[in-house]
Amino acid sequence: MAKLPAVKVKDPSTGKEVELAPVKAWKLSPKGRKGVKIGLFKSPETGKYFRAKLPDDYPI
């Protein structure tokens, strides 16, 4: 499995803006609407997992 590129996201557990690569990424598409890309990230300081929206041009 290829490593996903890093993006800037806000870590909700520390409140800091960090550059992380998502552990997992997927697309959420409600029926009949344009979908959004979501990534699962792990906080480097606290070790907690959180989800954040990825840019539309992010490769999945």
N, C-alpha and C. Protein backbone atom coordinates (compact mmCIF):
# COMPACT_ATOMS: atom_id res chain seq x y z
N MET A 1 0.84 -1.19 0.00
CA MET A 1 0.00 0.00 0.00
C MET A 1 0.89 1.25 0.00
N ALA A 2 0.59 2.18 -0.88
CA ALA A 2 1.37 3.41 -0.99
C ALA A 2 1.07 4.36 0.16
N LYS A 3 2.09 5.09 0.56
CA LYS A 3 1.91 6.06 1.64
C LYS A 3 1.19 7.29 1.10
N LEU A 4 0.22 7.78 1.84
CA LEU A 4 -0.56 8.94 1.41
C LEU A 4 0.21 10.22 1.70
N PRO A 5 0.07 11.26 0.83
CA PRO A 5 0.79 12.52 1.05
C PRO A 5 0.25 13.28 2.26
N ALA A 6 1.10 14.09 2.86
CA ALA A 6 0.74 14.86 4.06
C ALA A 6 -0.07 16.10 3.69
N VAL A 7 -0.95 16.51 4.60
CA VAL A 7 -1.75 17.73 4.44
C VAL A 7 -1.75 18.49 5.76
N LYS A 8 -2.05 19.79 5.72
CA LYS A 8 -2.15 20.59 6.95
C LYS A 8 -3.54 20.43 7.52
N VAL A 9 -3.64 20.01 8.78
CA VAL A 9 -4.92 19.86 9.46
C VAL A 9 -4.79 20.42 10.88
N LYS A 10 -5.93 20.76 11.47
CA LYS A 10 -5.93 21.24 12.85
C LYS A 10 -6.19 20.06 13.77
N ASP A 11 -5.28 19.84 14.70
CA ASP A 11 -5.40 18.76 15.67
C ASP A 11 -6.37 19.21 16.77
N PRO A 12 -7.55 18.58 16.88
CA PRO A 12 -8.53 19.03 17.88
C PRO A 12 -8.11 18.77 19.33
N SER A 13 -7.24 17.79 19.56
CA SER A 13 -6.85 17.49 20.94
C SER A 13 -5.84 18.50 21.49
N THR A 14 -5.03 19.13 20.61
CA THR A 14 -4.06 20.13 21.06
C THR A 14 -4.40 21.53 20.57
N GLY A 15 -5.21 21.64 19.52
CA GLY A 15 -5.58 22.92 18.95
C GLY A 15 -4.53 23.50 18.01
N LYS A 16 -3.49 22.73 17.70
CA LYS A 16 -2.41 23.20 16.84
C LYS A 16 -2.64 22.79 15.39
N GLU A 17 -2.08 23.58 14.47
CA GLU A 17 -2.09 23.26 13.05
C GLU A 17 -0.85 22.41 12.76
N VAL A 18 -1.06 21.17 12.30
CA VAL A 18 0.06 20.27 12.05
C VAL A 18 -0.02 19.70 10.63
N GLU A 19 1.11 19.26 10.11
CA GLU A 19 1.14 18.62 8.80
C GLU A 19 1.29 17.12 9.01
N LEU A 20 0.25 16.38 8.66
CA LEU A 20 0.22 14.93 8.88
C LEU A 20 -0.24 14.21 7.63
N ALA A 21 0.17 12.96 7.51
CA ALA A 21 -0.35 12.08 6.47
C ALA A 21 -1.46 11.25 7.09
N PRO A 22 -2.60 11.10 6.42
CA PRO A 22 -3.69 10.31 7.00
C PRO A 22 -3.33 8.83 7.09
N VAL A 23 -3.85 8.17 8.12
CA VAL A 23 -3.68 6.73 8.28
C VAL A 23 -4.54 6.03 7.22
N LYS A 24 -5.73 6.59 6.99
CA LYS A 24 -6.69 6.04 6.04
C LYS A 24 -7.45 7.21 5.41
N ALA A 25 -7.85 7.07 4.16
CA ALA A 25 -8.63 8.11 3.49
C ALA A 25 -9.75 7.47 2.69
N TRP A 26 -10.93 8.12 2.67
CA TRP A 26 -12.06 7.59 1.92
C TRP A 26 -12.96 8.73 1.49
N LYS A 27 -13.93 8.42 0.63
CA LYS A 27 -14.85 9.41 0.12
C LYS A 27 -16.24 9.15 0.69
N LEU A 28 -16.88 10.20 1.19
CA LEU A 28 -18.26 10.13 1.66
C LEU A 28 -19.14 10.79 0.62
N SER A 29 -20.08 10.05 0.05
CA SER A 29 -20.94 10.61 -0.99
C SER A 29 -22.40 10.31 -0.70
N PRO A 30 -23.13 11.28 -0.18
CA PRO A 30 -24.57 11.08 -0.02
C PRO A 30 -25.22 10.93 -1.40
N LYS A 31 -26.31 10.20 -1.46
CA LYS A 31 -26.99 9.94 -2.73
C LYS A 31 -27.41 11.25 -3.40
N GLY A 32 -27.03 11.39 -4.66
CA GLY A 32 -27.44 12.54 -5.44
C GLY A 32 -26.67 13.82 -5.18
N ARG A 33 -25.61 13.77 -4.37
CA ARG A 33 -24.84 14.97 -4.08
C ARG A 33 -23.35 14.71 -4.27
N LYS A 34 -22.59 15.80 -4.40
CA LYS A 34 -21.14 15.69 -4.53
C LYS A 34 -20.57 15.23 -3.19
N GLY A 35 -19.62 14.33 -3.23
CA GLY A 35 -19.04 13.80 -2.00
C GLY A 35 -17.89 14.63 -1.48
N VAL A 36 -17.46 14.31 -0.26
CA VAL A 36 -16.28 14.94 0.34
C VAL A 36 -15.28 13.85 0.68
N LYS A 37 -14.01 14.21 0.76
CA LYS A 37 -12.97 13.26 1.11
C LYS A 37 -12.62 13.45 2.58
N ILE A 38 -12.55 12.35 3.31
CA ILE A 38 -12.30 12.34 4.75
C ILE A 38 -11.02 11.55 5.02
N GLY A 39 -10.23 12.01 5.97
CA GLY A 39 -9.02 11.30 6.35
C GLY A 39 -9.02 11.01 7.84
N LEU A 40 -8.43 9.88 8.21
CA LEU A 40 -8.26 9.51 9.62
C LEU A 40 -6.81 9.81 9.98
N PHE A 41 -6.63 10.65 11.01
CA PHE A 41 -5.30 11.07 11.42
C PHE A 41 -5.04 10.66 12.86
N LYS A 42 -3.75 10.54 13.21
CA LYS A 42 -3.36 10.23 14.59
C LYS A 42 -2.53 11.41 15.10
N SER A 43 -2.95 11.97 16.23
CA SER A 43 -2.25 13.11 16.81
C SER A 43 -0.85 12.70 17.25
N PRO A 44 0.20 13.44 16.83
CA PRO A 44 1.55 13.06 17.23
C PRO A 44 1.83 13.30 18.71
N GLU A 45 1.11 14.24 19.34
CA GLU A 45 1.36 14.55 20.75
C GLU A 45 0.57 13.68 21.71
N THR A 46 -0.75 13.51 21.42
CA THR A 46 -1.60 12.78 22.37
C THR A 46 -1.85 11.33 21.96
N GLY A 47 -1.65 11.00 20.68
CA GLY A 47 -1.90 9.64 20.21
C GLY A 47 -3.36 9.36 19.92
N LYS A 48 -4.23 10.37 20.07
CA LYS A 48 -5.65 10.18 19.79
C LYS A 48 -5.90 10.28 18.28
N TYR A 49 -6.89 9.53 17.81
CA TYR A 49 -7.27 9.56 16.41
C TYR A 49 -8.37 10.59 16.21
N PHE A 50 -8.36 11.24 15.03
CA PHE A 50 -9.42 12.18 14.68
C PHE A 50 -9.61 12.18 13.17
N ARG A 51 -10.79 12.63 12.74
CA ARG A 51 -11.10 12.72 11.31
C ARG A 51 -11.08 14.18 10.89
N ALA A 52 -10.70 14.41 9.64
CA ALA A 52 -10.70 15.77 9.09
C ALA A 52 -10.96 15.69 7.60
N LYS A 53 -11.55 16.77 7.07
CA LYS A 53 -11.84 16.86 5.64
C LYS A 53 -10.54 17.06 4.87
N LEU A 54 -10.42 16.37 3.75
CA LEU A 54 -9.25 16.49 2.87
C LEU A 54 -9.60 17.40 1.70
N PRO A 55 -8.60 17.99 1.04
CA PRO A 55 -8.87 18.82 -0.14
C PRO A 55 -9.52 17.98 -1.25
N ASP A 56 -10.31 18.65 -2.10
CA ASP A 56 -11.00 17.94 -3.19
C ASP A 56 -10.04 17.30 -4.18
N ASP A 57 -8.84 17.87 -4.35
CA ASP A 57 -7.88 17.32 -5.32
C ASP A 57 -6.95 16.29 -4.69
N TYR A 58 -7.23 15.85 -3.47
CA TYR A 58 -6.39 14.86 -2.78
C TYR A 58 -6.51 13.49 -3.45
N PRO A 59 -5.39 12.84 -3.77
CA PRO A 59 -5.46 11.52 -4.43
C PRO A 59 -5.81 10.41 -3.43
N ILE A 60 -6.81 9.63 -3.77
CA ILE A 60 -7.20 8.49 -2.92
C ILE A 60 -6.98 7.20 -3.70
